Amino acid sequence: MIPGREFVGWYNGLPENRSLNINLENAERAFIIGQGNVALDIARILLSPIDLLKKTDISTYALEALSKSRVKEVTIYGRRGPLQVAFTIKELRELINLSGIRVSLNPSDFYEVNDNLIASTLLV
């Protein structure tokens, strides 16, 4: 397990995270715990086509490791439901607009969403 802050530091080239041993060649799935901007940014980096990442300022060693990545599926886990996410629409849009991305949501996470929205509206 790698803390998100360290993984972001790794691909951004921070000196203290440069030596992390990130092996993306042995797994097709990645699991991210958290539902904030960092979680979505990590998912976006893992799923972005290499040609797209080459146009960014990502570190050279991260680009090389990502070019060998076999990760094809990223699952994001959060402690709370969809009404409590901590990411911005901008981060979500950047992720879901990647070519070939298919978002799959757990329908059971949304059972009470309409009830909560109605209750919130009535309380205003």
N, C-alpha and C. Protein backbone atom coordinates (compact mmCIF):
# COMPACT_ATOMS: atom_id res chain seq x y z
N MET A 1 0.85 -1.17 0.00
CA MET A 1 0.00 0.00 0.00
C MET A 1 0.90 1.24 0.00
N ILE A 2 0.52 2.20 -0.82
CA ILE A 2 1.28 3.44 -0.94
C ILE A 2 0.34 4.61 -0.62
N PRO A 3 0.69 5.45 0.34
CA PRO A 3 -0.14 6.62 0.61
C PRO A 3 -0.27 7.51 -0.63
N GLY A 4 -1.47 8.04 -0.84
CA GLY A 4 -1.74 8.87 -2.01
C GLY A 4 -0.79 10.04 -2.14
N ARG A 5 -0.49 10.68 -1.02
CA ARG A 5 0.40 11.84 -1.05
C ARG A 5 1.77 11.46 -1.60
N GLU A 6 2.27 10.28 -1.22
CA GLU A 6 3.57 9.83 -1.70
C GLU A 6 3.52 9.46 -3.18
N PHE A 7 2.42 8.83 -3.61
CA PHE A 7 2.29 8.48 -5.02
C PHE A 7 2.25 9.74 -5.88
N VAL A 8 1.49 10.72 -5.46
CA VAL A 8 1.43 12.00 -6.20
C VAL A 8 2.81 12.65 -6.21
N GLY A 9 3.51 12.62 -5.09
CA GLY A 9 4.86 13.15 -5.03
C GLY A 9 5.81 12.43 -5.97
N TRP A 10 5.60 11.11 -6.09
CA TRP A 10 6.43 10.30 -6.99
C TRP A 10 6.26 10.74 -8.44
N TYR A 11 5.00 10.82 -8.92
CA TYR A 11 4.85 11.17 -10.33
C TYR A 11 5.07 12.65 -10.60
N ASN A 12 5.04 13.47 -9.55
CA ASN A 12 5.36 14.89 -9.73
C ASN A 12 6.84 15.18 -9.56
N GLY A 13 7.64 14.15 -9.23
CA GLY A 13 9.09 14.32 -9.15
C GLY A 13 9.61 14.93 -7.86
N LEU A 14 8.86 14.83 -6.76
CA LEU A 14 9.37 15.36 -5.49
C LEU A 14 10.56 14.52 -5.03
N PRO A 15 11.65 15.18 -4.63
CA PRO A 15 12.86 14.45 -4.24
C PRO A 15 12.62 13.38 -3.17
N GLU A 16 11.79 13.67 -2.19
CA GLU A 16 11.57 12.70 -1.11
C GLU A 16 10.76 11.48 -1.54
N ASN A 17 10.11 11.54 -2.70
CA ASN A 17 9.31 10.42 -3.19
C ASN A 17 9.90 9.76 -4.44
N ARG A 18 10.97 10.29 -4.93
CA ARG A 18 11.57 9.80 -6.18
C ARG A 18 11.98 8.34 -6.10
N SER A 19 12.42 7.88 -4.94
CA SER A 19 12.93 6.51 -4.82
C SER A 19 11.85 5.49 -4.47
N LEU A 20 10.59 5.87 -4.48
CA LEU A 20 9.53 4.90 -4.22
C LEU A 20 9.59 3.78 -5.25
N ASN A 21 9.39 2.57 -4.80
CA ASN A 21 9.39 1.43 -5.71
C ASN A 21 7.97 1.22 -6.20
N ILE A 22 7.62 1.84 -7.31
CA ILE A 22 6.29 1.72 -7.89
C ILE A 22 6.36 0.72 -9.03
N ASN A 23 5.73 -0.42 -8.82
CA ASN A 23 5.73 -1.47 -9.83
C ASN A 23 4.32 -1.59 -10.38
N LEU A 24 4.13 -1.14 -11.60
CA LEU A 24 2.82 -1.19 -12.24
C LEU A 24 2.75 -2.29 -13.29
N GLU A 25 3.79 -3.10 -13.37
CA GLU A 25 3.87 -4.15 -14.39
C GLU A 25 3.20 -5.46 -13.96
N ASN A 26 2.95 -5.62 -12.67
CA ASN A 26 2.47 -6.91 -12.18
C ASN A 26 1.00 -6.93 -11.79
N ALA A 27 0.28 -5.88 -12.09
CA ALA A 27 -1.13 -5.84 -11.69
C ALA A 27 -1.97 -5.19 -12.77
N GLU A 28 -3.17 -5.71 -12.93
CA GLU A 28 -4.12 -5.11 -13.88
C GLU A 28 -5.15 -4.26 -13.16
N ARG A 29 -5.19 -4.35 -11.83
CA ARG A 29 -6.16 -3.59 -11.05
C ARG A 29 -5.46 -2.79 -9.96
N ALA A 30 -5.98 -1.60 -9.71
CA ALA A 30 -5.48 -0.76 -8.62
C ALA A 30 -6.68 -0.36 -7.77
N PHE A 31 -6.46 -0.24 -6.49
CA PHE A 31 -7.50 0.15 -5.55
C PHE A 31 -7.07 1.42 -4.85
N ILE A 32 -7.97 2.39 -4.83
CA ILE A 32 -7.69 3.68 -4.20
C ILE A 32 -8.70 3.88 -3.08
N ILE A 33 -8.19 4.21 -1.91
CA ILE A 33 -9.07 4.48 -0.77
C ILE A 33 -9.13 5.98 -0.59
N GLY A 34 -10.33 6.52 -0.66
CA GLY A 34 -10.55 7.96 -0.52
C GLY A 34 -11.42 8.43 -1.66
N GLN A 35 -12.06 9.54 -1.46
CA GLN A 35 -12.96 10.04 -2.49
C GLN A 35 -12.82 11.54 -2.67
N GLY A 36 -11.54 11.96 -2.67
CA GLY A 36 -11.25 13.36 -2.88
C GLY A 36 -10.52 13.59 -4.18
N ASN A 37 -10.04 14.82 -4.37
CA ASN A 37 -9.33 15.18 -5.60
C ASN A 37 -8.08 14.33 -5.81
N VAL A 38 -7.36 14.01 -4.74
CA VAL A 38 -6.14 13.21 -4.87
C VAL A 38 -6.49 11.83 -5.42
N ALA A 39 -7.55 11.22 -4.91
CA ALA A 39 -7.96 9.89 -5.38
C ALA A 39 -8.28 9.92 -6.87
N LEU A 40 -9.03 10.91 -7.31
CA LEU A 40 -9.39 10.99 -8.72
C LEU A 40 -8.18 11.32 -9.59
N ASP A 41 -7.27 12.14 -9.07
CA ASP A 41 -6.06 12.47 -9.84
C ASP A 41 -5.20 11.23 -10.02
N ILE A 42 -5.06 10.43 -8.99
CA ILE A 42 -4.28 9.19 -9.09
C ILE A 42 -4.93 8.26 -10.11
N ALA A 43 -6.24 8.11 -10.04
CA ALA A 43 -6.95 7.25 -11.00
C ALA A 43 -6.72 7.76 -12.42
N ARG A 44 -6.80 9.07 -12.61
CA ARG A 44 -6.59 9.65 -13.94
C ARG A 44 -5.18 9.36 -14.45
N ILE A 45 -4.19 9.51 -13.60
CA ILE A 45 -2.80 9.23 -14.01
C ILE A 45 -2.64 7.76 -14.38
N LEU A 46 -3.21 6.87 -13.57
CA LEU A 46 -3.08 5.43 -13.85
C LEU A 46 -3.77 5.02 -15.14
N LEU A 47 -4.83 5.72 -15.52
CA LEU A 47 -5.61 5.32 -16.68
C LEU A 47 -5.36 6.15 -17.94
N SER A 48 -4.57 7.19 -17.81
CA SER A 48 -4.30 8.06 -18.97
C SER A 48 -3.41 7.38 -19.99
N PRO A 49 -3.71 7.58 -21.27
CA PRO A 49 -2.82 7.07 -22.31
C PRO A 49 -1.45 7.74 -22.20
N ILE A 50 -0.40 6.99 -22.46
CA ILE A 50 0.97 7.51 -22.35
C ILE A 50 1.18 8.72 -23.25
N ASP A 51 0.62 8.71 -24.44
CA ASP A 51 0.79 9.86 -25.34
C ASP A 51 0.23 11.14 -24.74
N LEU A 52 -0.82 11.02 -23.97
CA LEU A 52 -1.38 12.18 -23.29
C LEU A 52 -0.46 12.64 -22.16
N LEU A 53 0.06 11.68 -21.39
CA LEU A 53 0.95 12.03 -20.27
C LEU A 53 2.27 12.64 -20.76
N LYS A 54 2.71 12.27 -21.96
CA LYS A 54 3.96 12.82 -22.51
C LYS A 54 3.86 14.32 -22.71
N LYS A 55 2.65 14.83 -22.84
CA LYS A 55 2.44 16.26 -23.07
C LYS A 55 2.38 17.05 -21.76
N THR A 56 2.54 16.36 -20.63
CA THR A 56 2.47 17.01 -19.32
C THR A 56 3.88 17.15 -18.75
N ASP A 57 3.97 17.70 -17.55
CA ASP A 57 5.26 17.85 -16.88
C ASP A 57 5.53 16.71 -15.89
N ILE A 58 4.91 15.55 -16.12
CA ILE A 58 5.12 14.39 -15.26
C ILE A 58 6.60 14.00 -15.29
N SER A 59 7.09 13.47 -14.18
CA SER A 59 8.51 13.10 -14.11
C SER A 59 8.83 12.01 -15.12
N THR A 60 10.07 12.04 -15.61
CA THR A 60 10.51 11.10 -16.64
C THR A 60 10.44 9.66 -16.14
N TYR A 61 10.89 9.42 -14.90
CA TYR A 61 10.87 8.05 -14.38
C TYR A 61 9.45 7.55 -14.17
N ALA A 62 8.52 8.43 -13.80
CA ALA A 62 7.12 8.03 -13.65
C ALA A 62 6.52 7.71 -15.02
N LEU A 63 6.84 8.52 -15.99
CA LEU A 63 6.36 8.27 -17.35
C LEU A 63 6.85 6.91 -17.86
N GLU A 64 8.11 6.59 -17.57
CA GLU A 64 8.65 5.30 -17.99
C GLU A 64 7.92 4.15 -17.28
N ALA A 65 7.70 4.29 -15.97
CA ALA A 65 6.99 3.24 -15.23
C ALA A 65 5.54 3.11 -15.71
N LEU A 66 4.89 4.23 -15.96
CA LEU A 66 3.50 4.20 -16.43
C LEU A 66 3.40 3.63 -17.84
N SER A 67 4.45 3.79 -18.64
CA SER A 67 4.43 3.23 -20.00
C SER A 67 4.46 1.70 -19.96
N LYS A 68 4.94 1.12 -18.86
CA LYS A 68 4.99 -0.33 -18.69
C LYS A 68 3.82 -0.86 -17.88
N SER A 69 2.96 0.04 -17.46
CA SER A 69 1.84 -0.34 -16.59
C SER A 69 0.87 -1.30 -17.28
N ARG A 70 0.39 -2.26 -16.51
CA ARG A 70 -0.64 -3.18 -16.99
C ARG A 70 -1.99 -2.85 -16.35
N VAL A 71 -2.04 -1.78 -15.56
CA VAL A 71 -3.28 -1.41 -14.87
C VAL A 71 -4.33 -0.99 -15.89
N LYS A 72 -5.45 -1.69 -15.86
CA LYS A 72 -6.57 -1.41 -16.77
C LYS A 72 -7.85 -1.09 -16.01
N GLU A 73 -7.84 -1.35 -14.71
CA GLU A 73 -9.05 -1.12 -13.90
C GLU A 73 -8.64 -0.47 -12.58
N VAL A 74 -9.34 0.59 -12.23
CA VAL A 74 -9.10 1.29 -10.96
C VAL A 74 -10.42 1.34 -10.21
N THR A 75 -10.40 0.89 -8.97
CA THR A 75 -11.58 0.95 -8.11
C THR A 75 -11.31 1.95 -7.00
N ILE A 76 -12.25 2.87 -6.83
CA ILE A 76 -12.13 3.90 -5.79
C ILE A 76 -13.13 3.58 -4.68
N TYR A 77 -12.62 3.47 -3.47
CA TYR A 77 -13.47 3.19 -2.31
C TYR A 77 -13.54 4.43 -1.42
N GLY A 78 -14.74 4.72 -0.93
CA GLY A 78 -14.92 5.82 0.00
C GLY A 78 -15.69 5.36 1.22
N ARG A 79 -15.51 6.05 2.33
CA ARG A 79 -16.22 5.68 3.56
C ARG A 79 -17.68 6.10 3.54
N ARG A 80 -17.98 7.10 2.76
CA ARG A 80 -19.33 7.64 2.76
C ARG A 80 -19.94 7.51 1.38
N GLY A 81 -21.13 8.02 1.25
CA GLY A 81 -21.87 7.89 -0.01
C GLY A 81 -21.60 9.01 -0.99
N PRO A 82 -22.33 9.00 -2.09
CA PRO A 82 -22.10 9.95 -3.18
C PRO A 82 -22.37 11.42 -2.80
N LEU A 83 -23.16 11.65 -1.78
CA LEU A 83 -23.42 13.03 -1.37
C LEU A 83 -22.27 13.64 -0.56
N GLN A 84 -21.35 12.80 -0.11
CA GLN A 84 -20.25 13.28 0.72
C GLN A 84 -18.90 13.26 0.02
N VAL A 85 -18.87 13.07 -1.30
CA VAL A 85 -17.58 13.05 -1.99
C VAL A 85 -16.87 14.38 -1.79
N ALA A 86 -15.54 14.32 -1.83
CA ALA A 86 -14.75 15.52 -1.59
C ALA A 86 -13.99 15.98 -2.83
N PHE A 87 -14.34 15.43 -3.99
CA PHE A 87 -13.68 15.87 -5.22
C PHE A 87 -14.52 16.92 -5.91
N THR A 88 -13.87 17.65 -6.81
CA THR A 88 -14.58 18.69 -7.55
C THR A 88 -15.08 18.11 -8.88
N ILE A 89 -16.04 18.78 -9.46
CA ILE A 89 -16.56 18.38 -10.77
C ILE A 89 -15.44 18.39 -11.80
N LYS A 90 -14.52 19.37 -11.69
CA LYS A 90 -13.39 19.46 -12.62
C LYS A 90 -12.58 18.18 -12.60
N GLU A 91 -12.24 17.67 -11.42
CA GLU A 91 -11.46 16.43 -11.32
C GLU A 91 -12.23 15.25 -11.89
N LEU A 92 -13.52 15.18 -11.60
CA LEU A 92 -14.33 14.09 -12.12
C LEU A 92 -14.41 14.16 -13.64
N ARG A 93 -14.62 15.35 -14.17
CA ARG A 93 -14.73 15.54 -15.62
C ARG A 93 -13.44 15.13 -16.32
N GLU A 94 -12.28 15.50 -15.76
CA GLU A 94 -11.00 15.13 -16.38
C GLU A 94 -10.84 13.62 -16.43
N LEU A 95 -11.32 12.93 -15.41
CA LEU A 95 -11.21 11.47 -15.38
C LEU A 95 -12.17 10.82 -16.37
N ILE A 96 -13.43 11.19 -16.32
CA ILE A 96 -14.41 10.48 -17.16
C ILE A 96 -14.32 10.87 -18.63
N ASN A 97 -13.63 11.97 -18.94
CA ASN A 97 -13.47 12.36 -20.34
C ASN A 97 -12.26 11.71 -21.01
N LEU A 98 -11.51 10.88 -20.28
CA LEU A 98 -10.41 10.15 -20.90
C LEU A 98 -10.97 9.15 -21.90
N SER A 99 -10.27 8.99 -22.98
CA SER A 99 -10.67 8.04 -24.01
C SER A 99 -10.70 6.62 -23.44
N GLY A 100 -11.79 5.92 -23.69
CA GLY A 100 -11.89 4.52 -23.28
C GLY A 100 -12.30 4.30 -21.84
N ILE A 101 -12.60 5.34 -21.11
CA ILE A 101 -12.98 5.19 -19.70
C ILE A 101 -14.46 4.86 -19.60
N ARG A 102 -14.77 3.89 -18.77
CA ARG A 102 -16.15 3.52 -18.49
C ARG A 102 -16.30 3.56 -16.98
N VAL A 103 -17.19 4.40 -16.51
CA VAL A 103 -17.43 4.53 -15.07
C VAL A 103 -18.54 3.58 -14.68
N SER A 104 -18.29 2.84 -13.63
CA SER A 104 -19.29 1.90 -13.11
C SER A 104 -19.56 2.27 -11.66
N LEU A 105 -20.82 2.56 -11.36
CA LEU A 105 -21.21 2.95 -10.01
C LEU A 105 -22.02 1.83 -9.37
N ASN A 106 -21.92 1.74 -8.06
CA ASN A 106 -22.67 0.74 -7.31
C ASN A 106 -24.07 1.29 -7.05
N PRO A 107 -25.10 0.73 -7.67
CA PRO A 107 -26.47 1.25 -7.50
C PRO A 107 -26.92 1.34 -6.05
N SER A 108 -26.46 0.44 -5.20
CA SER A 108 -26.89 0.47 -3.80
C SER A 108 -26.41 1.73 -3.08
N ASP A 109 -25.38 2.39 -3.61
CA ASP A 109 -24.90 3.63 -3.00
C ASP A 109 -25.87 4.79 -3.20
N PHE A 110 -26.85 4.61 -4.09
CA PHE A 110 -27.74 5.70 -4.45
C PHE A 110 -29.18 5.51 -3.99
N TYR A 111 -29.46 4.45 -3.24
CA TYR A 111 -30.83 4.17 -2.83
C TYR A 111 -31.49 5.33 -2.09
N GLU A 112 -30.75 5.97 -1.21
CA GLU A 112 -31.34 7.04 -0.41
C GLU A 112 -31.04 8.44 -0.92
N VAL A 113 -30.38 8.56 -2.05
CA VAL A 113 -30.00 9.88 -2.56
C VAL A 113 -31.22 10.74 -2.82
N ASN A 114 -32.21 10.23 -3.54
CA ASN A 114 -33.40 11.02 -3.84
C ASN A 114 -34.12 11.42 -2.56
N ASP A 115 -34.24 10.52 -1.60
CA ASP A 115 -34.87 10.85 -0.32
C ASP A 115 -34.11 11.95 0.39
N ASN A 116 -32.78 11.88 0.39
CA ASN A 116 -31.97 12.90 1.05
C ASN A 116 -32.09 14.25 0.34
N LEU A 117 -32.14 14.24 -0.98
CA LEU A 117 -32.29 15.49 -1.72
C LEU A 117 -33.65 16.11 -1.46
N ILE A 118 -34.68 15.29 -1.43
CA ILE A 118 -36.03 15.80 -1.14
C ILE A 118 -36.10 16.34 0.27
N ALA A 119 -35.52 15.61 1.23
CA ALA A 119 -35.52 16.08 2.62
C ALA A 119 -34.77 17.40 2.75
N SER A 120 -33.64 17.51 2.07
CA SER A 120 -32.86 18.74 2.12
C SER A 120 -33.64 19.89 1.52
N THR A 121 -34.34 19.64 0.45
CA THR A 121 -35.13 20.68 -0.19
C THR A 121 -36.25 21.14 0.73
N LEU A 122 -36.85 20.20 1.41
CA LEU A 122 -37.96 20.55 2.30
C LEU A 122 -37.50 21.31 3.52
N LEU A 123 -36.26 21.10 3.94
CA LEU A 123 -35.73 21.77 5.13
C LEU A 123 -35.30 23.20 4.85
N VAL A 124 -35.11 23.55 3.60
CA VAL A 124 -34.62 24.88 3.27
C VAL A 124 -35.64 25.93 3.58
